[in-house]
Amino acid sequence: MDDQPARPSTPRIRVLSADDKEQLLDYLRAVARDERPCPGVATLADVVGCGETPVVRFLQSLEDDGTIKVERRTGGRRRLRIDACWTAWSGGRMRRAASGNAPVSDGIVDQARRHLMSRDHTIVGAGPGLFKINGRVRSLPEMLEMANRSLMSLGRSPLDGTAPCGTGVHPSSVRPPMVGR
């Protein structure tokens, strides 16, 4: 009996906890409130750190009970309504937020792209305001958020969009000292 090879275990699909579900709902509300493009399943799975299947099931249950409404268009474009707020259409041009935020300068976008590429991310343009990062399409705000998280984890200040367009100047030119090579 001991000489039989062990059967490979089948990966189990993680069930979303109540906290995961609440975190996803909060994220969807924030996206809709800020009029950002509707996030994809892969992005939502990244938010809670699980696979896509439980997220798809959860979204379907939310749609079935009327918590969210999803409109779909040709070409995979979609938008989502939650709490009477709509997200922007995914895959289309991003609308400027109603809060009056200034558009992000080309220099900041380039800095974020170059920083992420220096951290071994693969980035390709995927349309106006969209980038394919490591095989997943992400919006400009999502790319900037990724870059800022990375910069902050390195002890550097985040990109804030105040550098003049095209200068390539980071808002804070002070770098933390290198510790122990």
Protein backbone atom coordinates (compact mmCIF):
# COMPACT_ATOMS: atom_id res chain seq x y z
CA MET A 1 0.00 0.00 0.00
CA ASP A 2 2.77 2.46 0.78
CA ASP A 3 4.29 2.12 -2.70
CA GLN A 4 1.27 3.65 -4.46
CA PRO A 5 1.81 7.21 -5.67
CA ALA A 6 -0.27 9.86 -3.97
CA ARG A 7 -3.14 11.18 -6.05
CA PRO A 8 -2.71 14.81 -6.97
CA SER A 9 -5.14 16.94 -5.08
CA THR A 10 -7.67 18.92 -7.06
CA PRO A 11 -7.42 22.64 -6.29
CA ARG A 12 -10.43 23.76 -4.35
CA ILE A 13 -12.33 26.87 -5.28
CA ARG A 14 -12.28 29.22 -2.33
CA VAL A 15 -15.67 30.39 -1.14
CA LEU A 16 -15.90 34.11 -0.51
CA SER A 17 -16.27 35.06 3.13
CA ALA A 18 -18.71 37.70 4.33
CA ASP A 19 -15.75 40.10 4.66
CA ASP A 20 -14.69 39.39 1.06
CA LYS A 21 -18.20 40.06 -0.18
CA GLU A 22 -18.41 43.32 1.78
CA GLN A 23 -14.99 44.37 0.45
CA LEU A 24 -16.13 43.72 -3.13
CA LEU A 25 -19.35 45.67 -2.61
CA ASP A 26 -17.41 48.61 -1.13
CA TYR A 27 -15.00 48.51 -4.08
CA LEU A 28 -17.87 48.48 -6.61
CA ARG A 29 -19.55 51.38 -4.82
CA ALA A 30 -16.32 53.40 -4.89
CA VAL A 31 -15.81 52.69 -8.61
CA ALA A 32 -19.38 53.77 -9.41
CA ARG A 33 -19.21 56.86 -7.17
CA ASP A 34 -15.96 57.96 -8.89
CA GLU A 35 -17.37 57.15 -12.35
CA ARG A 36 -14.41 54.90 -13.15
CA PRO A 37 -14.71 52.19 -15.81
CA CYS A 38 -16.47 49.01 -14.77
CA PRO A 39 -13.81 46.66 -13.36
CA GLY A 40 -13.26 43.23 -14.85
CA VAL A 41 -13.57 39.96 -12.98
CA ALA A 42 -9.76 39.64 -12.81
CA THR A 43 -9.50 43.03 -11.10
CA LEU A 44 -12.22 42.11 -8.60
CA ALA A 45 -10.50 38.78 -7.90
CA ASP A 46 -7.29 40.71 -7.17
CA VAL A 47 -9.15 42.92 -4.69
CA VAL A 48 -9.97 39.97 -2.44
CA GLY A 49 -7.07 37.72 -3.43
CA CYS A 50 -8.94 34.76 -4.84
CA GLY A 51 -9.71 33.11 -8.15
CA GLU A 52 -12.19 34.45 -10.66
CA THR A 53 -14.84 31.70 -10.30
CA PRO A 54 -16.07 32.73 -6.80
CA VAL A 55 -16.20 36.37 -7.94
CA VAL A 56 -18.26 35.47 -11.02
CA ARG A 57 -20.69 33.51 -8.82
CA PHE A 58 -20.96 36.39 -6.35
CA LEU A 59 -21.58 38.95 -9.10
CA GLN A 60 -24.26 36.71 -10.60
CA SER A 61 -25.98 36.43 -7.21
CA LEU A 62 -25.87 40.24 -6.84
CA GLU A 63 -27.37 40.65 -10.30
CA ASP A 64 -30.05 38.03 -9.60
CA ASP A 65 -31.21 39.72 -6.39
CA GLY A 66 -31.15 43.21 -7.95
CA THR A 67 -28.28 44.65 -5.90
CA ILE A 68 -26.43 45.46 -9.11
CA LYS A 69 -27.53 45.91 -12.71
CA VAL A 70 -25.10 45.19 -15.53
CA GLU A 71 -25.55 46.59 -19.04
CA ARG A 72 -23.56 44.91 -21.79
CA ARG A 73 -22.72 46.21 -25.27
CA THR A 74 -21.01 44.73 -28.26
CA GLY A 75 -17.26 44.40 -28.09
CA GLY A 76 -17.33 43.36 -24.42
CA ARG A 77 -18.14 46.86 -23.17
CA ARG A 78 -20.15 46.96 -19.96
CA ARG A 79 -21.16 49.20 -17.14
CA LEU A 80 -22.58 48.49 -13.72
CA ARG A 81 -25.13 50.23 -11.49
CA ILE A 82 -25.00 49.95 -7.72
CA ASP A 83 -26.81 52.21 -5.25
CA ALA A 84 -28.21 54.31 -8.15
CA CYS A 85 -24.69 55.15 -9.40
CA TRP A 86 -23.32 53.94 -12.73
CA THR A 87 -19.72 53.12 -13.50
CA ALA A 88 -18.25 54.40 -16.75
CA TRP A 89 -18.31 51.98 -19.69
CA SER A 90 -15.42 49.56 -19.67
CA GLY A 91 -13.22 49.66 -22.75
CA GLY A 92 -14.36 53.15 -23.73
CA ARG A 93 -13.04 56.61 -23.17
CA MET A 94 -12.79 57.51 -19.52
CA ARG A 95 -14.93 60.46 -18.45
CA ARG A 96 -13.51 63.09 -16.21
CA ALA A 97 -14.81 62.70 -12.68
CA ALA A 98 -17.55 65.07 -11.60
CA SER A 99 -15.33 66.28 -8.77
CA GLY A 100 -13.37 68.37 -11.29
CA ASN A 101 -10.04 66.56 -10.88
CA ALA A 102 -7.49 67.69 -13.42
CA PRO A 103 -6.51 65.12 -16.02
CA VAL A 104 -3.32 63.21 -15.29
CA SER A 105 -0.30 64.59 -17.14
CA ASP A 106 1.52 62.53 -19.73
CA GLY A 107 4.67 62.79 -17.61
CA ILE A 108 3.00 61.07 -14.64
CA VAL A 109 1.60 58.33 -16.88
CA ASP A 110 5.07 57.78 -18.35
CA GLN A 111 6.67 57.72 -14.88
CA ALA A 112 4.15 55.15 -13.66
CA ARG A 113 4.65 53.01 -16.77
CA ARG A 114 8.46 53.16 -16.53
CA HIS A 115 8.42 52.40 -12.80
CA LEU A 116 6.20 49.34 -13.24
CA MET A 117 8.32 48.12 -16.15
CA SER A 118 11.43 48.49 -13.97
CA ARG A 119 9.71 46.15 -11.49
CA ASP A 120 9.34 43.49 -14.26
CA HIS A 121 5.75 44.24 -15.25
CA THR A 122 4.87 43.97 -18.94
CA ILE A 123 2.82 46.97 -20.11
CA VAL A 124 1.22 47.49 -23.52
CA GLY A 125 -1.31 50.14 -24.54
CA ALA A 126 -4.83 48.74 -24.91
CA GLY A 127 -6.80 51.78 -26.10
CA PRO A 128 -7.54 55.26 -24.78
CA GLY A 129 -6.85 55.29 -21.02
CA LEU A 130 -6.32 51.50 -20.94
CA PHE A 131 -3.19 49.42 -20.47
CA LYS A 132 -2.57 45.70 -20.67
CA ILE A 133 -0.43 44.97 -17.61
CA ASN A 134 0.85 41.41 -17.31
CA GLY A 135 -1.92 40.24 -19.63
CA ARG A 136 -4.79 42.03 -17.85
CA VAL A 137 -6.45 45.18 -19.14
CA ARG A 138 -6.43 47.93 -16.54
CA SER A 139 -7.57 51.54 -16.56
CA LEU A 140 -5.25 54.50 -16.09
CA PRO A 141 -6.31 55.00 -12.43
CA GLU A 142 -5.64 51.30 -11.76
CA MET A 143 -2.16 51.55 -13.31
CA LEU A 144 -1.37 54.67 -11.26
CA GLU A 145 -2.62 52.92 -8.12
CA MET A 146 -0.33 49.93 -8.83
CA ALA A 147 2.66 52.24 -9.37
CA ASN A 148 1.91 54.24 -6.21
CA ARG A 149 1.56 51.08 -4.09
CA SER A 150 4.91 49.89 -5.42
CA LEU A 151 6.60 53.24 -4.85
CA MET A 152 5.26 53.49 -1.30
CA SER A 153 6.44 49.95 -0.51
CA LEU A 154 9.93 51.11 -1.56
CA GLY A 155 9.70 54.11 0.78
CA ARG A 156 9.27 56.64 -2.04
CA SER A 157 6.54 59.23 -2.33
CA PRO A 158 3.63 58.44 -4.66
CA LEU A 159 3.07 60.07 -8.02
CA ASP A 160 0.56 62.86 -7.50
CA GLY A 161 0.20 64.39 -10.93
CA THR A 162 1.79 67.74 -10.07
CA ALA A 163 4.89 67.42 -12.30
CA PRO A 164 4.64 69.49 -15.47
CA CYS A 165 3.56 67.50 -18.48
CA GLY A 166 6.41 65.61 -20.13
CA THR A 167 9.13 66.67 -17.67
CA GLY A 168 9.63 63.22 -16.18
CA VAL A 169 10.25 64.90 -12.82
CA HIS A 170 9.05 62.95 -9.83
CA PRO A 171 7.13 65.18 -7.39
CA SER A 172 9.66 64.35 -4.68
CA SER A 173 13.26 64.12 -5.86
CA VAL A 174 14.40 62.94 -2.42
CA ARG A 175 15.11 59.22 -2.32
CA PRO A 176 15.55 57.21 0.86
CA PRO A 177 19.13 56.09 1.54
CA MET A 178 20.04 52.59 0.38
CA VAL A 179 20.33 50.26 3.33
CA GLY A 180 22.58 47.17 3.27
CA ARG A 181 23.47 45.98 -0.18
